[in-house]
Amino acid sequence: QPTPGPAARRRTDGSVVERRVLRAETRPSFLGTKAVNKPLPVTRTGARMGLHAKSMVVDRRIGVIGTHNFDPRSENYNTEGAVIIEDPVFAEALAQSILRDIHPQNSWTVAPRTKPPVLSGLNYSVGKASEALPVLDFWPWRYATDYEFQPGPDCPEPLRRQDKNFHACYVSVGDFPEVNVGPKWLLVRMLTAFGAGLVPIL
């Protein structure tokens, strides 16, 4: 019987449950030899999982679960798979699972930032122009970020991001909510700035 590791805990029935953080990739960064995808510290306690699937429900009678992305890389280069199940009972269960995942308590909303009092149109235009540059995306101020719904007497239900009262019912949680990015923010910004030329390849 193997010796439980440091991540192990013992159940009330005496059996041992061991939880380990799994990494999907271990490719080192071009700036160093260590893996760049080590888990980032989070602000909330509790288990985190990185396993996910691409799920879809068609007419509440067909459920699709797979790994496929609708982009050229997945279409032509990656080995992708999917399971298609034509069963209304399964499709409804999958639909309810998706609705639960996108509930405001379990997800964030990506929406435009609050417009500055002056030059908001200029900021947007320069940002879009910078994104289109073939080599260097130099503009640091993005027009969108993540928001969390704040229910209350004036905000009983979630709103669409286009609603005029959106910013009264949602609070900004930053580009990486619940994650203490730390110095890795610099690497992200560098890849954003200098990686524009790689978009056609990726």
C-alpha atoms as a PDB file:
ATOM      1  CA  GLN A   1       0.000   0.000   0.000  1.00  0.00           C
ATOM      2  CA  PRO A   2       1.577   3.339  -1.030  1.00  0.00           C
ATOM      3  CA  THR A   3       2.366   5.904   1.602  1.00  0.00           C
ATOM      4  CA  PRO A   4      -0.038   8.869   1.406  1.00  0.00           C
ATOM      5  CA  GLY A   5       1.579  12.033   0.135  1.00  0.00           C
ATOM      6  CA  PRO A   6       1.439  15.511   1.700  1.00  0.00           C
ATOM      7  CA  ALA A   7      -1.817  16.281  -0.128  1.00  0.00           C
ATOM      8  CA  ALA A   8      -3.604  13.274   1.364  1.00  0.00           C
ATOM      9  CA  ARG A   9      -6.421  13.448   3.877  1.00  0.00           C
ATOM     10  CA  ARG A  10      -8.262  10.667   5.700  1.00  0.00           C
ATOM     11  CA  ARG A  11     -12.006  10.115   5.435  1.00  0.00           C
ATOM     12  CA  THR A  12     -14.217   9.240   8.364  1.00  0.00           C
ATOM     13  CA  ASP A  13     -14.336   5.606   7.190  1.00  0.00           C
ATOM     14  CA  GLY A  14     -10.556   5.372   7.381  1.00  0.00           C
ATOM     15  CA  SER A  15      -9.826   5.433   3.649  1.00  0.00           C
ATOM     16  CA  VAL A  16      -7.277   7.857   2.277  1.00  0.00           C
ATOM     17  CA  VAL A  17      -8.153  10.435  -0.356  1.00  0.00           C
ATOM     18  CA  GLU A  18      -5.248  12.123  -2.093  1.00  0.00           C
ATOM     19  CA  ARG A  19      -5.675  15.320  -4.064  1.00  0.00           C
ATOM     20  CA  ARG A  20      -2.927  16.679  -6.229  1.00  0.00           C
ATOM     21  CA  VAL A  21      -2.770  19.728  -8.451  1.00  0.00           C
ATOM     22  CA  LEU A  22      -2.519  18.525 -12.037  1.00  0.00           C
ATOM     23  CA  ARG A  23      -0.898  20.566 -14.787  1.00  0.00           C
ATOM     24  CA  ALA A  24      -2.039  20.243 -18.345  1.00  0.00           C
ATOM     25  CA  GLU A  25       1.326  21.279 -19.778  1.00  0.00           C
ATOM     26  CA  THR A  26       4.878  21.457 -18.495  1.00  0.00           C
ATOM     27  CA  ARG A  27       6.579  23.331 -21.323  1.00  0.00           C
ATOM     28  CA  PRO A  28       9.038  25.844 -19.840  1.00  0.00           C
ATOM     29  CA  SER A  29       8.947  29.526 -20.673  1.00  0.00           C
ATOM     30  CA  PHE A  30      11.409  30.952 -23.168  1.00  0.00           C
ATOM     31  CA  LEU A  31      12.528  33.235 -20.324  1.00  0.00           C
ATOM     32  CA  GLY A  32      13.537  30.379 -18.016  1.00  0.00           C
ATOM     33  CA  THR A  33      13.715  26.650 -17.407  1.00  0.00           C
ATOM     34  CA  LYS A  34      10.830  26.255 -14.955  1.00  0.00           C
ATOM     35  CA  ALA A  35       7.285  25.468 -16.019  1.00  0.00           C
ATOM     36  CA  VAL A  36       5.253  28.615 -16.548  1.00  0.00           C
ATOM     37  CA  ASN A  37       1.943  27.023 -15.683  1.00  0.00           C
ATOM     38  CA  LYS A  38       2.506  26.368 -11.996  1.00  0.00           C
ATOM     39  CA  PRO A  39      -0.697  27.035 -10.061  1.00  0.00           C
ATOM     40  CA  LEU A  40      -1.195  30.678  -9.171  1.00  0.00           C
ATOM     41  CA  PRO A  41      -2.233  31.556  -5.621  1.00  0.00           C
ATOM     42  CA  VAL A  42      -5.942  32.248  -5.301  1.00  0.00           C
ATOM     43  CA  THR A  43      -7.717  34.472  -2.832  1.00  0.00           C
ATOM     44  CA  ARG A  44     -10.407  31.968  -1.861  1.00  0.00           C
ATOM     45  CA  THR A  45      -9.877  28.654  -0.111  1.00  0.00           C
ATOM     46  CA  GLY A  46     -11.110  25.400  -1.598  1.00  0.00           C
ATOM     47  CA  ALA A  47     -10.249  22.910  -4.295  1.00  0.00           C
ATOM     48  CA  ARG A  48      -9.573  24.035  -7.848  1.00  0.00           C
ATOM     49  CA  MET A  49      -9.863  21.860 -10.948  1.00  0.00           C
ATOM     50  CA  GLY A  50      -8.639  22.578 -14.456  1.00  0.00           C
ATOM     51  CA  LEU A  51     -10.383  19.753 -16.318  1.00  0.00           C
ATOM     52  CA  HIS A  52     -13.084  21.019 -18.667  1.00  0.00           C
ATOM     53  CA  ALA A  53     -15.060  20.098 -21.763  1.00  0.00           C
ATOM     54  CA  LYS A  54     -16.832  21.907 -24.573  1.00  0.00           C
ATOM     55  CA  SER A  55     -20.533  21.140 -24.104  1.00  0.00           C
ATOM     56  CA  MET A  56     -23.522  22.051 -26.246  1.00  0.00           C
ATOM     57  CA  VAL A  57     -27.246  21.303 -26.233  1.00  0.00           C
ATOM     58  CA  VAL A  58     -29.337  21.353 -29.427  1.00  0.00           C
ATOM     59  CA  ASP A  59     -33.125  21.752 -29.123  1.00  0.00           C
ATOM     60  CA  ARG A  60     -33.042  20.231 -25.627  1.00  0.00           C
ATOM     61  CA  ARG A  61     -32.806  16.767 -27.207  1.00  0.00           C
ATOM     62  CA  ILE A  62     -29.186  16.410 -28.367  1.00  0.00           C
ATOM     63  CA  GLY A  63     -26.186  16.720 -26.038  1.00  0.00           C
ATOM     64  CA  VAL A  64     -22.636  17.219 -27.321  1.00  0.00           C
ATOM     65  CA  ILE A  65     -19.584  16.865 -25.058  1.00  0.00           C
ATOM     66  CA  GLY A  66     -16.092  17.090 -26.482  1.00  0.00           C
ATOM     67  CA  THR A  67     -12.803  18.915 -26.781  1.00  0.00           C
ATOM     68  CA  HIS A  68     -13.339  20.734 -30.070  1.00  0.00           C
ATOM     69  CA  ASN A  69     -12.853  24.494 -30.481  1.00  0.00           C
ATOM     70  CA  PHE A  70     -14.261  26.298 -33.497  1.00  0.00           C
ATOM     71  CA  ASP A  71     -10.934  27.635 -34.739  1.00  0.00           C
ATOM     72  CA  PRO A  72      -8.378  26.613 -37.418  1.00  0.00           C
ATOM     73  CA  ARG A  73      -6.011  25.043 -34.891  1.00  0.00           C
ATOM     74  CA  SER A  74      -8.616  22.618 -33.559  1.00  0.00           C
ATOM     75  CA  GLU A  75     -10.044  22.015 -37.022  1.00  0.00           C
ATOM     76  CA  ASN A  76      -6.787  21.191 -38.804  1.00  0.00           C
ATOM     77  CA  TYR A  77      -3.982  20.434 -36.337  1.00  0.00           C
ATOM     78  CA  ASN A  78      -5.223  19.109 -32.997  1.00  0.00           C
ATOM     79  CA  THR A  79      -6.611  15.670 -32.336  1.00  0.00           C
ATOM     80  CA  GLU A  80     -10.111  16.458 -31.117  1.00  0.00           C
ATOM     81  CA  GLY A  81     -12.997  14.279 -30.042  1.00  0.00           C
ATOM     82  CA  ALA A  82     -16.673  14.597 -29.225  1.00  0.00           C
ATOM     83  CA  VAL A  83     -19.555  12.449 -28.032  1.00  0.00           C
ATOM     84  CA  ILE A  84     -23.018  13.176 -29.476  1.00  0.00           C
ATOM     85  CA  ILE A  85     -25.940  11.775 -27.487  1.00  0.00           C
ATOM     86  CA  GLU A  86     -29.487  12.054 -28.816  1.00  0.00           C
ATOM     87  CA  ASP A  87     -31.520  11.712 -25.645  1.00  0.00           C
ATOM     88  CA  PRO A  88     -33.893  14.391 -24.284  1.00  0.00           C
ATOM     89  CA  VAL A  89     -33.321  13.337 -20.670  1.00  0.00           C
ATOM     90  CA  PHE A  90     -29.539  13.577 -20.987  1.00  0.00           C
ATOM     91  CA  ALA A  91     -29.768  16.800 -22.996  1.00  0.00           C
ATOM     92  CA  GLU A  92     -31.936  18.424 -20.326  1.00  0.00           C
ATOM     93  CA  ALA A  93     -29.523  17.360 -17.564  1.00  0.00           C
ATOM     94  CA  LEU A  94     -26.619  18.804 -19.564  1.00  0.00           C
ATOM     95  CA  ALA A  95     -28.557  22.030 -20.168  1.00  0.00           C
ATOM     96  CA  GLN A  96     -29.224  22.425 -16.453  1.00  0.00           C
ATOM     97  CA  SER A  97     -25.532  21.828 -15.744  1.00  0.00           C
ATOM     98  CA  ILE A  98     -24.579  24.588 -18.187  1.00  0.00           C
ATOM     99  CA  LEU A  99     -27.150  26.971 -16.711  1.00  0.00           C
ATOM    100  CA  ARG A 100     -25.798  26.256 -13.230  1.00  0.00           C
ATOM    101  CA  ASP A 101     -22.235  26.980 -14.359  1.00  0.00           C
ATOM    102  CA  ILE A 102     -23.178  30.334 -15.902  1.00  0.00           C
ATOM    103  CA  HIS A 103     -25.251  31.444 -12.920  1.00  0.00           C
ATOM    104  CA  PRO A 104     -23.958  34.783 -11.549  1.00  0.00           C
ATOM    105  CA  GLN A 105     -22.787  33.050  -8.356  1.00  0.00           C
ATOM    106  CA  ASN A 106     -20.541  30.760 -10.420  1.00  0.00           C
ATOM    107  CA  SER A 107     -19.281  33.006 -13.209  1.00  0.00           C
ATOM    108  CA  TRP A 108     -18.183  36.490 -14.197  1.00  0.00           C
ATOM    109  CA  THR A 109     -19.345  38.734 -17.016  1.00  0.00           C
ATOM    110  CA  VAL A 110     -16.933  40.284 -19.503  1.00  0.00           C
ATOM    111  CA  ALA A 111     -18.068  43.802 -20.325  1.00  0.00           C
ATOM    112  CA  PRO A 112     -16.650  47.204 -21.305  1.00  0.00           C
ATOM    113  CA  ARG A 113     -15.074  49.235 -18.539  1.00  0.00           C
ATOM    114  CA  THR A 114     -16.741  52.390 -17.284  1.00  0.00           C
ATOM    115  CA  LYS A 115     -16.070  55.043 -19.889  1.00  0.00           C
ATOM    116  CA  PRO A 116     -13.698  57.799 -18.753  1.00  0.00           C
ATOM    117  CA  PRO A 117     -15.236  61.277 -18.701  1.00  0.00           C
ATOM    118  CA  VAL A 118     -13.057  62.418 -21.586  1.00  0.00           C
ATOM    119  CA  LEU A 119     -11.492  60.798 -24.648  1.00  0.00           C
ATOM    120  CA  SER A 120     -13.306  57.464 -24.194  1.00  0.00           C
ATOM    121  CA  GLY A 121     -13.811  57.139 -27.943  1.00  0.00           C
ATOM    122  CA  LEU A 122     -10.153  57.897 -28.597  1.00  0.00           C
ATOM    123  CA  ASN A 123      -9.055  55.228 -26.097  1.00  0.00           C
ATOM    124  CA  TYR A 124     -11.248  52.626 -27.798  1.00  0.00           C
ATOM    125  CA  SER A 125     -10.076  53.546 -31.289  1.00  0.00           C
ATOM    126  CA  VAL A 126      -6.389  53.544 -30.376  1.00  0.00           C
ATOM    127  CA  GLY A 127      -6.801  50.220 -28.566  1.00  0.00           C
ATOM    128  CA  LYS A 128      -8.426  48.548 -31.575  1.00  0.00           C
ATOM    129  CA  ALA A 129      -5.813  50.024 -33.912  1.00  0.00           C
ATOM    130  CA  SER A 130      -3.028  48.773 -31.641  1.00  0.00           C
ATOM    131  CA  GLU A 131      -4.488  45.247 -31.639  1.00  0.00           C
ATOM    132  CA  ALA A 132      -4.434  45.250 -35.442  1.00  0.00           C
ATOM    133  CA  LEU A 133      -0.735  46.103 -35.694  1.00  0.00           C
ATOM    134  CA  PRO A 134       1.265  43.227 -37.234  1.00  0.00           C
ATOM    135  CA  VAL A 135       4.097  43.188 -34.665  1.00  0.00           C
ATOM    136  CA  LEU A 136       3.647  45.354 -31.569  1.00  0.00           C
ATOM    137  CA  ASP A 137       0.436  45.861 -29.592  1.00  0.00           C
ATOM    138  CA  PHE A 138       1.569  48.788 -27.453  1.00  0.00           C
ATOM    139  CA  TRP A 139      -1.699  50.101 -25.937  1.00  0.00           C
ATOM    140  CA  PRO A 140      -1.937  49.000 -22.260  1.00  0.00           C
ATOM    141  CA  TRP A 141      -5.543  50.064 -21.498  1.00  0.00           C
ATOM    142  CA  ARG A 142      -8.087  47.482 -22.581  1.00  0.00           C
ATOM    143  CA  TYR A 143     -11.709  48.506 -23.007  1.00  0.00           C
ATOM    144  CA  ALA A 144     -13.169  45.405 -21.278  1.00  0.00           C
ATOM    145  CA  THR A 145     -12.679  43.502 -18.013  1.00  0.00           C
ATOM    146  CA  ASP A 146     -14.510  41.021 -15.732  1.00  0.00           C
ATOM    147  CA  TYR A 147     -17.483  41.980 -13.565  1.00  0.00           C
ATOM    148  CA  GLU A 148     -19.360  40.291 -10.711  1.00  0.00           C
ATOM    149  CA  PHE A 149     -23.104  40.688 -10.178  1.00  0.00           C
ATOM    150  CA  GLN A 150     -24.128  42.423  -6.940  1.00  0.00           C
ATOM    151  CA  PRO A 151     -27.797  41.623  -6.209  1.00  0.00           C
ATOM    152  CA  GLY A 152     -29.862  44.116  -4.211  1.00  0.00           C
ATOM    153  CA  PRO A 153     -33.187  45.967  -4.084  1.00  0.00           C
ATOM    154  CA  ASP A 154     -32.310  47.872  -7.247  1.00  0.00           C
ATOM    155  CA  CYS A 155     -30.652  44.859  -8.889  1.00  0.00           C
ATOM    156  CA  PRO A 156     -32.943  41.840  -8.396  1.00  0.00           C
ATOM    157  CA  GLU A 157     -31.922  40.047 -11.604  1.00  0.00           C
ATOM    158  CA  PRO A 158     -28.757  39.849 -13.735  1.00  0.00           C
ATOM    159  CA  LEU A 159     -28.552  42.332 -16.591  1.00  0.00           C
ATOM    160  CA  ARG A 160     -27.175  42.197 -20.090  1.00  0.00           C
ATOM    161  CA  ARG A 161     -23.899  44.064 -20.462  1.00  0.00           C
ATOM    162  CA  GLN A 162     -25.623  46.425 -22.905  1.00  0.00           C
ATOM    163  CA  ASP A 163     -28.118  47.524 -20.235  1.00  0.00           C
ATOM    164  CA  LYS A 164     -27.764  51.170 -19.219  1.00  0.00           C
ATOM    165  CA  ASN A 165     -27.835  50.154 -15.521  1.00  0.00           C
ATOM    166  CA  PHE A 166     -25.179  47.446 -15.900  1.00  0.00           C
ATOM    167  CA  HIS A 167     -22.417  49.242 -14.003  1.00  0.00           C
ATOM    168  CA  ALA A 168     -24.806  50.035 -11.147  1.00  0.00           C
ATOM    169  CA  CYS A 169     -25.390  46.321 -10.526  1.00  0.00           C
ATOM    170  CA  TYR A 170     -21.954  44.905 -11.313  1.00  0.00           C
ATOM    171  CA  VAL A 171     -18.562  45.519  -9.735  1.00  0.00           C
ATOM    172  CA  SER A 172     -15.251  45.140 -11.542  1.00  0.00           C
ATOM    173  CA  VAL A 173     -13.104  42.220 -10.340  1.00  0.00           C
ATOM    174  CA  GLY A 174     -10.175  42.780 -12.713  1.00  0.00           C
ATOM    175  CA  ASP A 175      -8.814  40.818 -15.634  1.00  0.00           C
ATOM    176  CA  PHE A 176      -7.806  37.818 -13.490  1.00  0.00           C
ATOM    177  CA  PRO A 177     -10.461  37.510 -10.748  1.00  0.00           C
ATOM    178  CA  GLU A 178      -9.517  35.558  -7.611  1.00  0.00           C
ATOM    179  CA  VAL A 179      -5.961  35.102  -8.884  1.00  0.00           C
ATOM    180  CA  ASN A 180      -2.938  36.852  -7.416  1.00  0.00           C
ATOM    181  CA  VAL A 181      -0.997  37.130 -10.655  1.00  0.00           C
ATOM    182  CA  GLY A 182       1.961  38.983  -9.150  1.00  0.00           C
ATOM    183  CA  PRO A 183       5.041  39.293 -11.395  1.00  0.00           C
ATOM    184  CA  LYS A 184       3.468  36.993 -13.990  1.00  0.00           C
ATOM    185  CA  TRP A 185       1.428  40.011 -15.083  1.00  0.00           C
ATOM    186  CA  LEU A 186       4.586  41.351 -16.748  1.00  0.00           C
ATOM    187  CA  LEU A 187       5.003  38.165 -18.790  1.00  0.00           C
ATOM    188  CA  VAL A 188       1.351  38.312 -19.825  1.00  0.00           C
ATOM    189  CA  ARG A 189       1.739  41.935 -20.899  1.00  0.00           C
ATOM    190  CA  MET A 190       4.918  41.131 -22.860  1.00  0.00           C
ATOM    191  CA  LEU A 191       3.209  38.280 -24.696  1.00  0.00           C
ATOM    192  CA  THR A 192       0.257  40.559 -25.425  1.00  0.00           C
ATOM    193  CA  ALA A 193       2.475  43.355 -26.715  1.00  0.00           C
ATOM    194  CA  PHE A 194       4.935  41.360 -28.794  1.00  0.00           C
ATOM    195  CA  GLY A 195       2.809  38.353 -29.698  1.00  0.00           C
ATOM    196  CA  ALA A 196       0.555  40.059 -32.221  1.00  0.00           C
ATOM    197  CA  GLY A 197       2.708  38.756 -35.048  1.00  0.00           C
ATOM    198  CA  LEU A 198       2.071  35.173 -33.922  1.00  0.00           C
ATOM    199  CA  VAL A 199      -1.718  35.400 -34.312  1.00  0.00           C
ATOM    200  CA  PRO A 200      -1.734  34.099 -37.933  1.00  0.00           C
ATOM    201  CA  ILE A 201       0.447  31.148 -36.871  1.00  0.00           C
ATOM    202  CA  LEU A 202      -1.550  30.274 -33.756  1.00  0.00           C
END
